[in-house]
Amino acid sequence: MLLYSQEENGDCVSSEEDLFILFFLEQNNRIFQTLSEVAGSPDPTLTQESVRAMGLDPHGDRLFLLHLLEIYGYDTLLVSEQLCCS
């Protein structure tokens, strides 16, 4: 998308702002694509592997993911593997 807009505008030098926009656009698409796939599957469970596939941290981004699931109404279970023993 960025390359296309640069070709159309004749601007071959991407700015730092363009790179940030592209990064977050791709990140957003990856997150919502994965959430949609998981929610539509027979076992709607968001595992640590699927969280990593979205480019997120299973522990550090847990609250963020819980908010996304709640706000957008995804009927998905978020699995957490505890790092500590009982």
PDB file of N, CA and C in Angstrom:
ATOM      1  N   MET A   1       0.826  -1.187   0.000  1.00  0.00           N
ATOM      2  CA  MET A   1       0.000   0.000   0.000  1.00  0.00           C
ATOM      3  C   MET A   1       0.874   1.255   0.000  1.00  0.00           C
ATOM      4  N   LEU A   2       1.891   1.235   0.852  1.00  0.00           N
ATOM      5  CA  LEU A   2       2.798   2.378   0.919  1.00  0.00           C
ATOM      6  C   LEU A   2       3.542   2.554  -0.395  1.00  0.00           C
ATOM      7  N   LEU A   3       4.026   1.458  -0.960  1.00  0.00           N
ATOM      8  CA  LEU A   3       4.750   1.541  -2.228  1.00  0.00           C
ATOM      9  C   LEU A   3       3.846   2.050  -3.342  1.00  0.00           C
ATOM     10  N   TYR A   4       2.593   1.610  -3.356  1.00  0.00           N
ATOM     11  CA  TYR A   4       1.651   2.067  -4.368  1.00  0.00           C
ATOM     12  C   TYR A   4       1.422   3.570  -4.254  1.00  0.00           C
ATOM     13  N   SER A   5       1.223   4.065  -3.032  1.00  0.00           N
ATOM     14  CA  SER A   5       0.976   5.499  -2.858  1.00  0.00           C
ATOM     15  C   SER A   5       2.208   6.313  -3.238  1.00  0.00           C
ATOM     16  N   GLN A   6       3.403   5.763  -3.004  1.00  0.00           N
ATOM     17  CA  GLN A   6       4.624   6.467  -3.375  1.00  0.00           C
ATOM     18  C   GLN A   6       4.760   6.530  -4.888  1.00  0.00           C
ATOM     19  N   GLU A   7       4.413   5.435  -5.570  1.00  0.00           N
ATOM     20  CA  GLU A   7       4.485   5.428  -7.037  1.00  0.00           C
ATOM     21  C   GLU A   7       3.489   6.405  -7.629  1.00  0.00           C
ATOM     22  N   GLU A   8       2.299   6.480  -7.066  1.00  0.00           N
ATOM     23  CA  GLU A   8       1.271   7.384  -7.566  1.00  0.00           C
ATOM     24  C   GLU A   8       1.672   8.844  -7.373  1.00  0.00           C
ATOM     25  N   ASN A   9       2.309   9.127  -6.236  1.00  0.00           N
ATOM     26  CA  ASN A   9       2.696  10.500  -5.926  1.00  0.00           C
ATOM     27  C   ASN A   9       4.082  10.853  -6.457  1.00  0.00           C
ATOM     28  N   GLY A  10       4.793   9.873  -6.972  1.00  0.00           N
ATOM     29  CA  GLY A  10       6.148  10.111  -7.454  1.00  0.00           C
ATOM     30  C   GLY A  10       7.144  10.312  -6.326  1.00  0.00           C
ATOM     31  N   ASP A  11       6.769   9.914  -5.127  1.00  0.00           N
ATOM     32  CA  ASP A  11       7.627  10.082  -3.950  1.00  0.00           C
ATOM     33  C   ASP A  11       8.244   8.738  -3.606  1.00  0.00           C
ATOM     34  N   CYS A  12       9.516   8.575  -3.839  1.00  0.00           N
ATOM     35  CA  CYS A  12      10.176   7.293  -3.577  1.00  0.00           C
ATOM     36  C   CYS A  12      10.847   7.254  -2.212  1.00  0.00           C
ATOM     37  N   VAL A  13      10.761   8.327  -1.446  1.00  0.00           N
ATOM     38  CA  VAL A  13      11.367   8.375  -0.125  1.00  0.00           C
ATOM     39  C   VAL A  13      10.252   8.267   0.906  1.00  0.00           C
ATOM     40  N   SER A  14      10.237   7.170   1.648  1.00  0.00           N
ATOM     41  CA  SER A  14       9.194   7.001   2.651  1.00  0.00           C
ATOM     42  C   SER A  14       9.612   7.725   3.933  1.00  0.00           C
ATOM     43  N   SER A  15       8.663   8.380   4.509  1.00  0.00           N
ATOM     44  CA  SER A  15       8.940   9.100   5.740  1.00  0.00           C
ATOM     45  C   SER A  15       8.786   8.156   6.927  1.00  0.00           C
ATOM     46  N   GLU A  16       9.297   8.576   8.041  1.00  0.00           N
ATOM     47  CA  GLU A  16       9.192   7.792   9.262  1.00  0.00           C
ATOM     48  C   GLU A  16       7.717   7.627   9.642  1.00  0.00           C
ATOM     49  N   GLU A  17       6.932   8.664   9.422  1.00  0.00           N
ATOM     50  CA  GLU A  17       5.503   8.599   9.722  1.00  0.00           C
ATOM     51  C   GLU A  17       4.815   7.539   8.868  1.00  0.00           C
ATOM     52  N   ASP A  18       5.161   7.456   7.587  1.00  0.00           N
ATOM     53  CA  ASP A  18       4.592   6.444   6.706  1.00  0.00           C
ATOM     54  C   ASP A  18       4.913   5.039   7.201  1.00  0.00           C
ATOM     55  N   LEU A  19       6.133   4.844   7.674  1.00  0.00           N
ATOM     56  CA  LEU A  19       6.528   3.530   8.164  1.00  0.00           C
ATOM     57  C   LEU A  19       5.756   3.150   9.420  1.00  0.00           C
ATOM     58  N   PHE A  20       5.529   4.110  10.306  1.00  0.00           N
ATOM     59  CA  PHE A  20       4.729   3.843  11.504  1.00  0.00           C
ATOM     60  C   PHE A  20       3.286   3.518  11.127  1.00  0.00           C
ATOM     61  N   ILE A  21       2.733   4.270  10.201  1.00  0.00           N
ATOM     62  CA  ILE A  21       1.370   4.022   9.756  1.00  0.00           C
ATOM     63  C   ILE A  21       1.250   2.631   9.163  1.00  0.00           C
ATOM     64  N   LEU A  22       2.178   2.262   8.319  1.00  0.00           N
ATOM     65  CA  LEU A  22       2.162   0.951   7.692  1.00  0.00           C
ATOM     66  C   LEU A  22       2.295  -0.163   8.729  1.00  0.00           C
ATOM     67  N   PHE A  23       3.191   0.018   9.688  1.00  0.00           N
ATOM     68  CA  PHE A  23       3.380  -0.986  10.734  1.00  0.00           C
ATOM     69  C   PHE A  23       2.085  -1.216  11.499  1.00  0.00           C
ATOM     70  N   PHE A  24       1.454  -0.135  11.962  1.00  0.00           N
ATOM     71  CA  PHE A  24       0.245  -0.287  12.766  1.00  0.00           C
ATOM     72  C   PHE A  24      -0.946  -0.747  11.941  1.00  0.00           C
ATOM     73  N   LEU A  25      -0.989  -0.406  10.685  1.00  0.00           N
ATOM     74  CA  LEU A  25      -2.033  -0.903   9.789  1.00  0.00           C
ATOM     75  C   LEU A  25      -1.913  -2.416   9.644  1.00  0.00           C
ATOM     76  N   GLU A  26      -0.714  -2.901   9.401  1.00  0.00           N
ATOM     77  CA  GLU A  26      -0.490  -4.342   9.274  1.00  0.00           C
ATOM     78  C   GLU A  26      -0.740  -5.065  10.595  1.00  0.00           C
ATOM     79  N   GLN A  27      -0.317  -4.453  11.695  1.00  0.00           N
ATOM     80  CA  GLN A  27      -0.534  -5.050  13.020  1.00  0.00           C
ATOM     81  C   GLN A  27      -2.031  -5.172  13.301  1.00  0.00           C
ATOM     82  N   ASN A  28      -2.770  -4.114  13.027  1.00  0.00           N
ATOM     83  CA  ASN A  28      -4.211  -4.110  13.235  1.00  0.00           C
ATOM     84  C   ASN A  28      -4.886  -5.194  12.391  1.00  0.00           C
ATOM     85  N   ASN A  29      -4.508  -5.286  11.129  1.00  0.00           N
ATOM     86  CA  ASN A  29      -5.087  -6.299  10.247  1.00  0.00           C
ATOM     87  C   ASN A  29      -4.787  -7.707  10.737  1.00  0.00           C
ATOM     88  N   ARG A  30      -3.555  -7.935  11.177  1.00  0.00           N
ATOM     89  CA  ARG A  30      -3.156  -9.257  11.667  1.00  0.00           C
ATOM     90  C   ARG A  30      -3.957  -9.639  12.915  1.00  0.00           C
ATOM     91  N   ILE A  31      -4.133  -8.692  13.833  1.00  0.00           N
ATOM     92  CA  ILE A  31      -4.872  -8.955  15.069  1.00  0.00           C
ATOM     93  C   ILE A  31      -6.321  -9.316  14.755  1.00  0.00           C
ATOM     94  N   PHE A  32      -7.003  -8.481  13.972  1.00  0.00           N
ATOM     95  CA  PHE A  32      -8.420  -8.733  13.715  1.00  0.00           C
ATOM     96  C   PHE A  32      -8.649  -9.939  12.819  1.00  0.00           C
ATOM     97  N   GLN A  33      -7.731 -10.231  11.917  1.00  0.00           N
ATOM     98  CA  GLN A  33      -7.841 -11.435  11.092  1.00  0.00           C
ATOM     99  C   GLN A  33      -7.761 -12.677  11.973  1.00  0.00           C
ATOM    100  N   THR A  34      -6.807 -12.701  12.884  1.00  0.00           N
ATOM    101  CA  THR A  34      -6.648 -13.856  13.776  1.00  0.00           C
ATOM    102  C   THR A  34      -7.840 -13.986  14.708  1.00  0.00           C
ATOM    103  N   LEU A  35      -8.303 -12.873  15.284  1.00  0.00           N
ATOM    104  CA  LEU A  35      -9.461 -12.934  16.174  1.00  0.00           C
ATOM    105  C   LEU A  35     -10.691 -13.453  15.440  1.00  0.00           C
ATOM    106  N   SER A  36     -10.896 -13.020  14.221  1.00  0.00           N
ATOM    107  CA  SER A  36     -12.044 -13.485  13.437  1.00  0.00           C
ATOM    108  C   SER A  36     -11.936 -14.968  13.120  1.00  0.00           C
ATOM    109  N   GLU A  37     -10.738 -15.423  12.758  1.00  0.00           N
ATOM    110  CA  GLU A  37     -10.530 -16.834  12.454  1.00  0.00           C
ATOM    111  C   GLU A  37     -10.767 -17.703  13.687  1.00  0.00           C
ATOM    112  N   VAL A  38     -10.239 -17.282  14.823  1.00  0.00           N
ATOM    113  CA  VAL A  38     -10.402 -18.054  16.055  1.00  0.00           C
ATOM    114  C   VAL A  38     -11.863 -18.066  16.486  1.00  0.00           C
ATOM    115  N   ALA A  39     -12.531 -16.925  16.444  1.00  0.00           N
ATOM    116  CA  ALA A  39     -13.936 -16.850  16.859  1.00  0.00           C
ATOM    117  C   ALA A  39     -14.832 -17.697  15.964  1.00  0.00           C
ATOM    118  N   GLY A  40     -14.484 -17.850  14.699  1.00  0.00           N
ATOM    119  CA  GLY A  40     -15.280 -18.630  13.764  1.00  0.00           C
ATOM    120  C   GLY A  40     -14.932 -20.101  13.715  1.00  0.00           C
ATOM    121  N   SER A  41     -13.949 -20.517  14.482  1.00  0.00           N
ATOM    122  CA  SER A  41     -13.533 -21.916  14.462  1.00  0.00           C
ATOM    123  C   SER A  41     -14.396 -22.751  15.413  1.00  0.00           C
ATOM    124  N   PRO A  42     -14.381 -24.078  15.243  1.00  0.00           N
ATOM    125  CA  PRO A  42     -15.163 -24.958  16.131  1.00  0.00           C
ATOM    126  C   PRO A  42     -14.710 -24.852  17.597  1.00  0.00           C
ATOM    127  N   ASP A  43     -13.438 -24.553  17.818  1.00  0.00           N
ATOM    128  CA  ASP A  43     -12.902 -24.377  19.169  1.00  0.00           C
ATOM    129  C   ASP A  43     -12.381 -22.950  19.295  1.00  0.00           C
ATOM    130  N   PRO A  44     -13.247 -22.007  19.673  1.00  0.00           N
ATOM    131  CA  PRO A  44     -12.839 -20.596  19.715  1.00  0.00           C
ATOM    132  C   PRO A  44     -11.960 -20.269  20.922  1.00  0.00           C
ATOM    133  N   THR A  45     -10.751 -20.786  20.903  1.00  0.00           N
ATOM    134  CA  THR A  45      -9.807 -20.570  21.993  1.00  0.00           C
ATOM    135  C   THR A  45      -8.584 -19.842  21.463  1.00  0.00           C
ATOM    136  N   LEU A  46      -8.271 -18.748  22.086  1.00  0.00           N
ATOM    137  CA  LEU A  46      -7.107 -17.951  21.711  1.00  0.00           C
ATOM    138  C   LEU A  46      -5.922 -18.438  22.539  1.00  0.00           C
ATOM    139  N   THR A  47      -5.015 -19.167  21.906  1.00  0.00           N
ATOM    140  CA  THR A  47      -3.863 -19.751  22.604  1.00  0.00           C
ATOM    141  C   THR A  47      -2.680 -18.782  22.594  1.00  0.00           C
ATOM    142  N   GLN A  48      -1.671 -19.126  23.349  1.00  0.00           N
ATOM    143  CA  GLN A  48      -0.459 -18.307  23.365  1.00  0.00           C
ATOM    144  C   GLN A  48       0.179 -18.261  21.986  1.00  0.00           C
ATOM    145  N   GLU A  49       0.107 -19.366  21.251  1.00  0.00           N
ATOM    146  CA  GLU A  49       0.686 -19.401  19.912  1.00  0.00           C
ATOM    147  C   GLU A  49      -0.051 -18.444  18.973  1.00  0.00           C
ATOM    148  N   SER A  50      -1.376 -18.419  19.074  1.00  0.00           N
ATOM    149  CA  SER A  50      -2.131 -17.515  18.202  1.00  0.00           C
ATOM    150  C   SER A  50      -1.910 -16.055  18.579  1.00  0.00           C
ATOM    151  N   VAL A  51      -1.698 -15.799  19.866  1.00  0.00           N
ATOM    152  CA  VAL A  51      -1.389 -14.434  20.314  1.00  0.00           C
ATOM    153  C   VAL A  51      -0.031 -14.014  19.757  1.00  0.00           C
ATOM    154  N   ARG A  52       0.929 -14.897  19.810  1.00  0.00           N
ATOM    155  CA  ARG A  52       2.254 -14.594  19.248  1.00  0.00           C
ATOM    156  C   ARG A  52       2.178 -14.386  17.735  1.00  0.00           C
ATOM    157  N   ALA A  53       1.319 -15.164  17.071  1.00  0.00           N
ATOM    158  CA  ALA A  53       1.158 -15.027  15.621  1.00  0.00           C
ATOM    159  C   ALA A  53       0.612 -13.647  15.252  1.00  0.00           C
ATOM    160  N   MET A  54      -0.100 -13.023  16.183  1.00  0.00           N
ATOM    161  CA  MET A  54      -0.611 -11.667  15.961  1.00  0.00           C
ATOM    162  C   MET A  54       0.467 -10.611  16.196  1.00  0.00           C
ATOM    163  N   GLY A  55       1.627 -11.050  16.688  1.00  0.00           N
ATOM    164  CA  GLY A  55       2.694 -10.106  16.990  1.00  0.00           C
ATOM    165  C   GLY A  55       2.563  -9.504  18.378  1.00  0.00           C
ATOM    166  N   LEU A  56       1.808 -10.188  19.248  1.00  0.00           N
ATOM    167  CA  LEU A  56       1.596  -9.692  20.600  1.00  0.00           C
ATOM    168  C   LEU A  56       2.243 -10.618  21.616  1.00  0.00           C
ATOM    169  N   ASP A  57       2.379 -10.135  22.832  1.00  0.00           N
ATOM    170  CA  ASP A  57       2.943 -10.909  23.928  1.00  0.00           C
ATOM    171  C   ASP A  57       1.793 -11.529  24.726  1.00  0.00           C
ATOM    172  N   PRO A  58       1.780 -12.852  24.914  1.00  0.00           N
ATOM    173  CA  PRO A  58       0.673 -13.503  25.617  1.00  0.00           C
ATOM    174  C   PRO A  58       0.444 -12.998  27.036  1.00  0.00           C
ATOM    175  N   HIS A  59       1.487 -12.548  27.696  1.00  0.00           N
ATOM    176  CA  HIS A  59       1.340 -12.077  29.076  1.00  0.00           C
ATOM    177  C   HIS A  59       1.190 -10.559  29.134  1.00  0.00           C
ATOM    178  N   GLY A  60       2.075  -9.849  28.489  1.00  0.00           N
ATOM    179  CA  GLY A  60       2.069  -8.393  28.554  1.00  0.00           C
ATOM    180  C   GLY A  60       0.876  -7.749  27.871  1.00  0.00           C
ATOM    181  N   ASP A  61       0.313  -8.411  26.853  1.00  0.00           N
ATOM    182  CA  ASP A  61      -0.815  -7.843  26.107  1.00  0.00           C
ATOM    183  C   ASP A  61      -2.149  -8.496  26.466  1.00  0.00           C
ATOM    184  N   ARG A  62      -2.173  -9.265  27.540  1.00  0.00           N
ATOM    185  CA  ARG A  62      -3.389  -9.977  27.939  1.00  0.00           C
ATOM    186  C   ARG A  62      -4.560  -9.022  28.199  1.00  0.00           C
ATOM    187  N   LEU A  63      -4.341  -7.973  28.957  1.00  0.00           N
ATOM    188  CA  LEU A  63      -5.412  -7.023  29.260  1.00  0.00           C
ATOM    189  C   LEU A  63      -5.918  -6.347  27.985  1.00  0.00           C
ATOM    190  N   PHE A  64      -5.001  -5.987  27.101  1.00  0.00           N
ATOM    191  CA  PHE A  64      -5.363  -5.400  25.815  1.00  0.00           C
ATOM    192  C   PHE A  64      -6.273  -6.349  25.035  1.00  0.00           C
ATOM    193  N   LEU A  65      -5.898  -7.633  24.979  1.00  0.00           N
ATOM    194  CA  LEU A  65      -6.703  -8.620  24.260  1.00  0.00           C
ATOM    195  C   LEU A  65      -8.067  -8.823  24.914  1.00  0.00           C
ATOM    196  N   LEU A  66      -8.108  -8.851  26.241  1.00  0.00           N
ATOM    197  CA  LEU A  66      -9.389  -8.995  26.932  1.00  0.00           C
ATOM    198  C   LEU A  66     -10.317  -7.830  26.598  1.00  0.00           C
ATOM    199  N   HIS A  67      -9.768  -6.627  26.544  1.00  0.00           N
ATOM    200  CA  HIS A  67     -10.571  -5.457  26.170  1.00  0.00           C
ATOM    201  C   HIS A  67     -11.071  -5.571  24.725  1.00  0.00           C
ATOM    202  N   LEU A  68     -10.208  -5.996  23.809  1.00  0.00           N
ATOM    203  CA  LEU A  68     -10.632  -6.172  22.415  1.00  0.00           C
ATOM    204  C   LEU A  68     -11.759  -7.195  22.305  1.00  0.00           C
ATOM    205  N   LEU A  69     -11.602  -8.323  22.990  1.00  0.00           N
ATOM    206  CA  LEU A  69     -12.624  -9.363  22.939  1.00  0.00           C
ATOM    207  C   LEU A  69     -13.958  -8.842  23.468  1.00  0.00           C
ATOM    208  N   GLU A  70     -13.903  -8.069  24.533  1.00  0.00           N
ATOM    209  CA  GLU A  70     -15.123  -7.525  25.130  1.00  0.00           C
ATOM    210  C   GLU A  70     -15.747  -6.429  24.257  1.00  0.00           C
ATOM    211  N   ILE A  71     -14.946  -5.486  23.817  1.00  0.00           N
ATOM    212  CA  ILE A  71     -15.457  -4.344  23.043  1.00  0.00           C
ATOM    213  C   ILE A  71     -16.072  -4.797  21.718  1.00  0.00           C
ATOM    214  N   TYR A  72     -15.413  -5.727  21.022  1.00  0.00           N
ATOM    215  CA  TYR A  72     -15.889  -6.152  19.712  1.00  0.00           C
ATOM    216  C   TYR A  72     -16.794  -7.380  19.774  1.00  0.00           C
ATOM    217  N   GLY A  73     -17.077  -7.859  20.975  1.00  0.00           N
ATOM    218  CA  GLY A  73     -18.040  -8.943  21.150  1.00  0.00           C
ATOM    219  C   GLY A  73     -17.604 -10.296  20.632  1.00  0.00           C
ATOM    220  N   TYR A  74     -16.316 -10.567  20.656  1.00  0.00           N
ATOM    221  CA  TYR A  74     -15.833 -11.884  20.236  1.00  0.00           C
ATOM    222  C   TYR A  74     -16.141 -12.893  21.335  1.00  0.00           C
ATOM    223  N   ASP A  75     -16.784 -13.990  20.973  1.00  0.00           N
ATOM    224  CA  ASP A  75     -17.079 -15.055  21.914  1.00  0.00           C
ATOM    225  C   ASP A  75     -15.922 -16.041  21.872  1.00  0.00           C
ATOM    226  N   THR A  76     -14.836 -15.648  22.503  1.00  0.00           N
ATOM    227  CA  THR A  76     -13.584 -16.397  22.425  1.00  0.00           C
ATOM    228  C   THR A  76     -12.978 -16.538  23.816  1.00  0.00           C
ATOM    229  N   LEU A  77     -12.418 -17.688  24.088  1.00  0.00           N
ATOM    230  CA  LEU A  77     -11.743 -17.951  25.352  1.00  0.00           C
ATOM    231  C   LEU A  77     -10.263 -17.627  25.192  1.00  0.00           C
ATOM    232  N   LEU A  78      -9.718 -16.871  26.130  1.00  0.00           N
ATOM    233  CA  LEU A  78      -8.293 -16.534  26.112  1.00  0.00           C
ATOM    234  C   LEU A  78      -7.587 -17.423  27.120  1.00  0.00           C
ATOM    235  N   VAL A  79      -6.741 -18.330  26.637  1.00  0.00           N
ATOM    236  CA  VAL A  79      -6.031 -19.278  27.488  1.00  0.00           C
ATOM    237  C   VAL A  79      -4.765 -18.632  28.016  1.00  0.00           C
ATOM    238  N   SER A  80      -4.539 -18.840  29.306  1.00  0.00           N
ATOM    239  CA  SER A  80      -3.331 -18.313  29.930  1.00  0.00           C
ATOM    240  C   SER A  80      -2.591 -19.453  30.598  1.00  0.00           C
ATOM    241  N   GLU A  81      -1.323 -19.600  30.266  1.00  0.00           N
ATOM    242  CA  GLU A  81      -0.495 -20.608  30.922  1.00  0.00           C
ATOM    243  C   GLU A  81       0.251 -19.915  32.054  1.00  0.00           C
ATOM    244  N   GLN A  82       0.049 -20.384  33.245  1.00  0.00           N
ATOM    245  CA  GLN A  82       0.687 -19.780  34.410  1.00  0.00           C
ATOM    246  C   GLN A  82       2.183 -20.084  34.419  1.00  0.00           C
ATOM    247  N   LEU A  83       2.954 -19.092  34.790  1.00  0.00           N
ATOM    248  CA  LEU A  83       4.406 -19.271  34.855  1.00  0.00           C
ATOM    249  C   LEU A  83       4.847 -19.827  36.203  1.00  0.00           C
ATOM    250  N   CYS A  84       3.962 -19.787  37.159  1.00  0.00           N
ATOM    251  CA  CYS A  84       4.307 -20.187  38.526  1.00  0.00           C
ATOM    252  C   CYS A  84       3.590 -21.478  38.914  1.00  0.00           C
ATOM    253  N   CYS A  85       4.193 -22.223  39.776  1.00  0.00           N
ATOM    254  CA  CYS A  85       3.558 -23.454  40.237  1.00  0.00           C
ATOM    255  C   CYS A  85       2.754 -23.167  41.506  1.00  0.00           C
ATOM    256  N   SER A  86       1.925 -24.148  41.920  1.00  0.00           N
ATOM    257  CA  SER A  86       1.014 -23.925  43.060  1.00  0.00           C
ATOM    258  C   SER A  86       1.693 -24.096  44.398  1.00  0.00           C
TER     259      SER A  86
END
